[in-house]
N, C-alpha and C. Protein backbone atom coordinates (compact mmCIF):
# COMPACT_ATOMS: atom_id res chain seq x y z
N MET A 1 113.21 80.11 108.66
CA MET A 1 111.77 80.03 108.69
C MET A 1 111.29 79.62 107.30
N THR A 2 110.21 78.86 107.28
CA THR A 2 109.60 78.42 106.03
C THR A 2 108.20 79.01 105.92
N VAL A 3 107.89 79.57 104.75
CA VAL A 3 106.54 80.04 104.45
C VAL A 3 105.97 79.11 103.40
N ASP A 4 104.88 78.44 103.75
CA ASP A 4 104.27 77.45 102.87
C ASP A 4 103.17 78.10 102.05
N LEU A 5 103.33 78.08 100.72
CA LEU A 5 102.35 78.67 99.82
C LEU A 5 101.46 77.61 99.17
N ALA A 6 101.41 76.42 99.75
CA ALA A 6 100.57 75.35 99.21
C ALA A 6 99.13 75.80 99.09
N GLY A 7 98.54 75.59 97.94
CA GLY A 7 97.14 75.94 97.71
C GLY A 7 96.92 77.39 97.36
N ALA A 8 97.96 78.20 97.38
CA ALA A 8 97.83 79.62 97.04
C ALA A 8 97.92 79.76 95.52
N THR A 9 96.77 79.97 94.89
CA THR A 9 96.73 80.05 93.43
C THR A 9 96.30 81.43 92.94
N SER A 10 96.32 82.41 93.84
CA SER A 10 95.98 83.78 93.46
C SER A 10 96.86 84.75 94.25
N LYS A 11 96.91 85.97 93.78
CA LYS A 11 97.67 87.00 94.47
C LYS A 11 97.13 87.20 95.88
N VAL A 12 95.82 87.23 96.02
CA VAL A 12 95.19 87.42 97.33
C VAL A 12 95.58 86.29 98.28
N ALA A 13 95.56 85.06 97.79
CA ALA A 13 95.90 83.91 98.64
C ALA A 13 97.37 83.94 99.07
N VAL A 14 98.27 84.34 98.18
CA VAL A 14 99.69 84.43 98.53
C VAL A 14 99.89 85.49 99.61
N HIS A 15 99.25 86.64 99.43
CA HIS A 15 99.41 87.70 100.43
C HIS A 15 98.78 87.30 101.77
N LYS A 16 97.71 86.54 101.73
CA LYS A 16 97.11 86.05 102.97
C LYS A 16 98.09 85.12 103.69
N ALA A 17 98.76 84.26 102.94
CA ALA A 17 99.76 83.36 103.54
C ALA A 17 100.91 84.17 104.14
N PHE A 18 101.39 85.19 103.42
CA PHE A 18 102.44 86.03 103.97
C PHE A 18 101.99 86.70 105.26
N LYS A 19 100.78 87.25 105.24
CA LYS A 19 100.26 87.96 106.41
C LYS A 19 100.21 87.03 107.62
N GLN A 20 99.66 85.84 107.43
CA GLN A 20 99.50 84.90 108.54
C GLN A 20 100.84 84.34 109.02
N GLN A 21 101.67 83.93 108.09
CA GLN A 21 102.88 83.20 108.46
C GLN A 21 104.05 84.11 108.86
N LEU A 22 104.05 85.36 108.37
CA LEU A 22 105.12 86.28 108.73
C LEU A 22 104.70 87.28 109.80
N GLY A 23 103.43 87.25 110.18
CA GLY A 23 102.96 88.12 111.26
C GLY A 23 102.79 89.57 110.85
N PHE A 24 102.35 89.80 109.62
CA PHE A 24 102.10 91.17 109.19
C PHE A 24 100.92 91.75 109.97
N PRO A 25 100.87 93.08 110.10
CA PRO A 25 99.80 93.72 110.87
C PRO A 25 98.42 93.55 110.21
N GLU A 26 97.40 93.81 110.99
CA GLU A 26 96.01 93.64 110.54
C GLU A 26 95.71 94.44 109.28
N TRP A 27 96.27 95.63 109.16
CA TRP A 27 95.96 96.50 108.02
C TRP A 27 96.58 96.04 106.71
N TYR A 28 97.48 95.06 106.75
CA TYR A 28 98.17 94.59 105.55
C TYR A 28 97.16 94.06 104.53
N GLY A 29 97.32 94.49 103.29
CA GLY A 29 96.44 94.03 102.22
C GLY A 29 97.22 93.42 101.08
N PRO A 30 96.51 92.84 100.12
CA PRO A 30 97.15 92.11 99.02
C PRO A 30 97.77 93.02 97.97
N SER A 31 98.91 93.58 98.30
CA SER A 31 99.61 94.50 97.41
C SER A 31 101.11 94.24 97.49
N TRP A 32 101.77 94.23 96.34
CA TRP A 32 103.22 94.03 96.35
C TRP A 32 103.94 95.21 97.00
N ASP A 33 103.40 96.42 96.86
CA ASP A 33 104.00 97.57 97.54
C ASP A 33 103.90 97.40 99.05
N ALA A 34 102.76 96.93 99.53
CA ALA A 34 102.58 96.70 100.97
C ALA A 34 103.52 95.59 101.45
N PHE A 35 103.70 94.56 100.64
CA PHE A 35 104.62 93.47 100.99
C PHE A 35 106.04 94.02 101.13
N TRP A 36 106.48 94.81 100.16
CA TRP A 36 107.82 95.39 100.20
C TRP A 36 108.00 96.23 101.45
N ASP A 37 107.03 97.11 101.72
CA ASP A 37 107.11 97.95 102.91
C ASP A 37 107.17 97.10 104.18
N ALA A 38 106.36 96.04 104.22
CA ALA A 38 106.30 95.20 105.42
C ALA A 38 107.63 94.50 105.67
N ILE A 39 108.23 93.93 104.63
CA ILE A 39 109.47 93.18 104.86
C ILE A 39 110.67 94.09 105.10
N LEU A 40 110.58 95.34 104.68
CA LEU A 40 111.70 96.26 104.90
C LEU A 40 111.57 97.04 106.20
N ALA A 41 110.35 97.46 106.55
CA ALA A 41 110.24 98.43 107.63
C ALA A 41 109.16 98.16 108.67
N VAL A 42 108.28 97.23 108.43
CA VAL A 42 107.16 97.05 109.36
C VAL A 42 107.42 95.91 110.35
N ILE A 43 107.92 94.80 109.85
CA ILE A 43 108.20 93.66 110.73
C ILE A 43 109.70 93.38 110.72
N GLU A 44 110.16 92.66 111.71
CA GLU A 44 111.54 92.20 111.73
C GLU A 44 111.56 90.82 111.08
N MET A 45 112.07 90.77 109.87
CA MET A 45 112.12 89.50 109.15
C MET A 45 113.16 88.58 109.77
N PRO A 46 112.89 87.28 109.77
CA PRO A 46 113.91 86.33 110.21
C PRO A 46 115.15 86.42 109.31
N GLN A 47 116.24 85.88 109.75
CA GLN A 47 117.48 85.91 108.95
C GLN A 47 117.27 85.25 107.60
N GLU A 48 116.50 84.16 107.58
CA GLU A 48 116.26 83.46 106.32
C GLU A 48 114.80 83.03 106.26
N VAL A 49 114.16 83.34 105.14
CA VAL A 49 112.79 82.90 104.88
C VAL A 49 112.81 82.14 103.56
N THR A 50 112.36 80.90 103.60
CA THR A 50 112.30 80.08 102.40
C THR A 50 110.84 79.85 102.04
N LEU A 51 110.49 80.19 100.82
CA LEU A 51 109.14 79.98 100.33
C LEU A 51 109.07 78.59 99.70
N VAL A 52 108.14 77.77 100.17
CA VAL A 52 107.96 76.42 99.64
C VAL A 52 106.58 76.31 99.00
N ASN A 53 106.45 75.35 98.11
CA ASN A 53 105.19 75.08 97.42
C ASN A 53 104.67 76.32 96.67
N TRP A 54 105.58 77.04 96.04
CA TRP A 54 105.25 78.26 95.29
C TRP A 54 104.96 77.97 93.82
N GLN A 55 105.23 76.77 93.35
CA GLN A 55 105.14 76.45 91.93
C GLN A 55 103.73 76.61 91.35
N GLU A 56 102.72 76.24 92.12
CA GLU A 56 101.35 76.37 91.63
C GLU A 56 100.98 77.84 91.46
N PHE A 57 101.40 78.67 92.39
CA PHE A 57 101.19 80.10 92.26
C PHE A 57 101.88 80.63 91.00
N ALA A 58 103.11 80.21 90.77
CA ALA A 58 103.87 80.65 89.60
C ALA A 58 103.15 80.27 88.30
N GLN A 59 102.56 79.09 88.29
CA GLN A 59 101.84 78.62 87.10
C GLN A 59 100.55 79.41 86.89
N GLU A 60 99.82 79.65 87.96
CA GLU A 60 98.52 80.33 87.87
C GLU A 60 98.64 81.84 87.71
N CYS A 61 99.70 82.42 88.24
CA CYS A 61 99.86 83.89 88.27
C CYS A 61 101.28 84.27 87.83
N PRO A 62 101.63 84.03 86.58
CA PRO A 62 103.02 84.25 86.16
C PRO A 62 103.49 85.72 86.29
N LYS A 63 102.61 86.67 86.06
CA LYS A 63 103.02 88.08 86.20
C LYS A 63 103.32 88.41 87.66
N ASP A 64 102.47 87.96 88.56
CA ASP A 64 102.71 88.19 89.98
C ASP A 64 103.95 87.44 90.46
N MET A 65 104.20 86.27 89.91
CA MET A 65 105.39 85.53 90.29
C MET A 65 106.64 86.28 89.85
N GLN A 66 106.58 86.91 88.69
CA GLN A 66 107.73 87.70 88.24
C GLN A 66 107.97 88.88 89.17
N ILE A 67 106.90 89.50 89.64
CA ILE A 67 107.03 90.60 90.61
C ILE A 67 107.68 90.07 91.88
N LEU A 68 107.23 88.92 92.36
CA LEU A 68 107.81 88.33 93.57
C LEU A 68 109.28 88.02 93.37
N ARG A 69 109.66 87.50 92.22
CA ARG A 69 111.07 87.22 91.94
C ARG A 69 111.90 88.51 91.97
N THR A 70 111.35 89.58 91.44
CA THR A 70 112.04 90.88 91.46
C THR A 70 112.20 91.36 92.89
N ILE A 71 111.15 91.21 93.69
CA ILE A 71 111.22 91.61 95.09
C ILE A 71 112.30 90.81 95.83
N ILE A 72 112.35 89.52 95.57
CA ILE A 72 113.36 88.68 96.21
C ILE A 72 114.76 89.17 95.85
N SER A 73 114.97 89.50 94.60
CA SER A 73 116.27 90.01 94.15
C SER A 73 116.58 91.36 94.79
N ASP A 74 115.61 92.25 94.80
CA ASP A 74 115.80 93.58 95.39
C ASP A 74 116.02 93.50 96.90
N TYR A 75 115.35 92.55 97.55
CA TYR A 75 115.51 92.37 98.99
C TYR A 75 116.95 92.01 99.33
N GLN A 76 117.56 91.18 98.50
CA GLN A 76 118.95 90.78 98.73
C GLN A 76 119.88 91.99 98.69
N VAL A 77 119.56 92.96 97.82
CA VAL A 77 120.37 94.18 97.72
C VAL A 77 120.15 95.07 98.95
N GLU A 78 118.89 95.22 99.34
CA GLU A 78 118.53 96.09 100.47
C GLU A 78 118.94 95.52 101.82
N LYS A 79 118.85 94.21 101.96
CA LYS A 79 119.14 93.53 103.22
C LYS A 79 120.16 92.40 102.97
N PRO A 80 121.40 92.74 102.69
CA PRO A 80 122.37 91.70 102.30
C PRO A 80 122.67 90.65 103.37
N THR A 81 122.33 90.93 104.62
CA THR A 81 122.58 89.94 105.67
C THR A 81 121.40 89.01 105.88
N LYS A 82 120.30 89.25 105.16
CA LYS A 82 119.11 88.40 105.29
C LYS A 82 118.83 87.74 103.94
N ARG A 83 118.03 86.66 103.99
CA ARG A 83 117.75 85.90 102.78
C ARG A 83 116.27 85.64 102.65
N LEU A 84 115.76 85.87 101.45
CA LEU A 84 114.40 85.51 101.06
C LEU A 84 114.56 84.63 99.84
N LEU A 85 114.18 83.35 99.97
CA LEU A 85 114.51 82.35 98.96
C LEU A 85 113.29 81.57 98.48
N LEU A 86 113.39 81.08 97.25
CA LEU A 86 112.43 80.11 96.73
C LEU A 86 113.05 78.73 96.88
N ALA A 87 112.34 77.81 97.51
CA ALA A 87 112.84 76.44 97.62
C ALA A 87 112.87 75.82 96.24
N LEU A 88 113.87 75.00 96.01
CA LEU A 88 113.98 74.33 94.71
C LEU A 88 113.11 73.13 94.62
């Protein structure tokens, strides 16, 4: 599965894209803790999720991008049979 982050230049916009494209529940809000909980225990994540067009978000929100990179790394440890990737 591909999650397109084109045009997402804020934390709120990235979380909105995750909510819409990954099917998070209505109560999901723009929080990295909520994102972590959602991908681990709330929804059944696909075997592989590739984030595309993330570069603009990384440029506009470098601290949030670092958090996302940490989550991606931690996800690999928690769910070794699944993949959450940044497209090159």
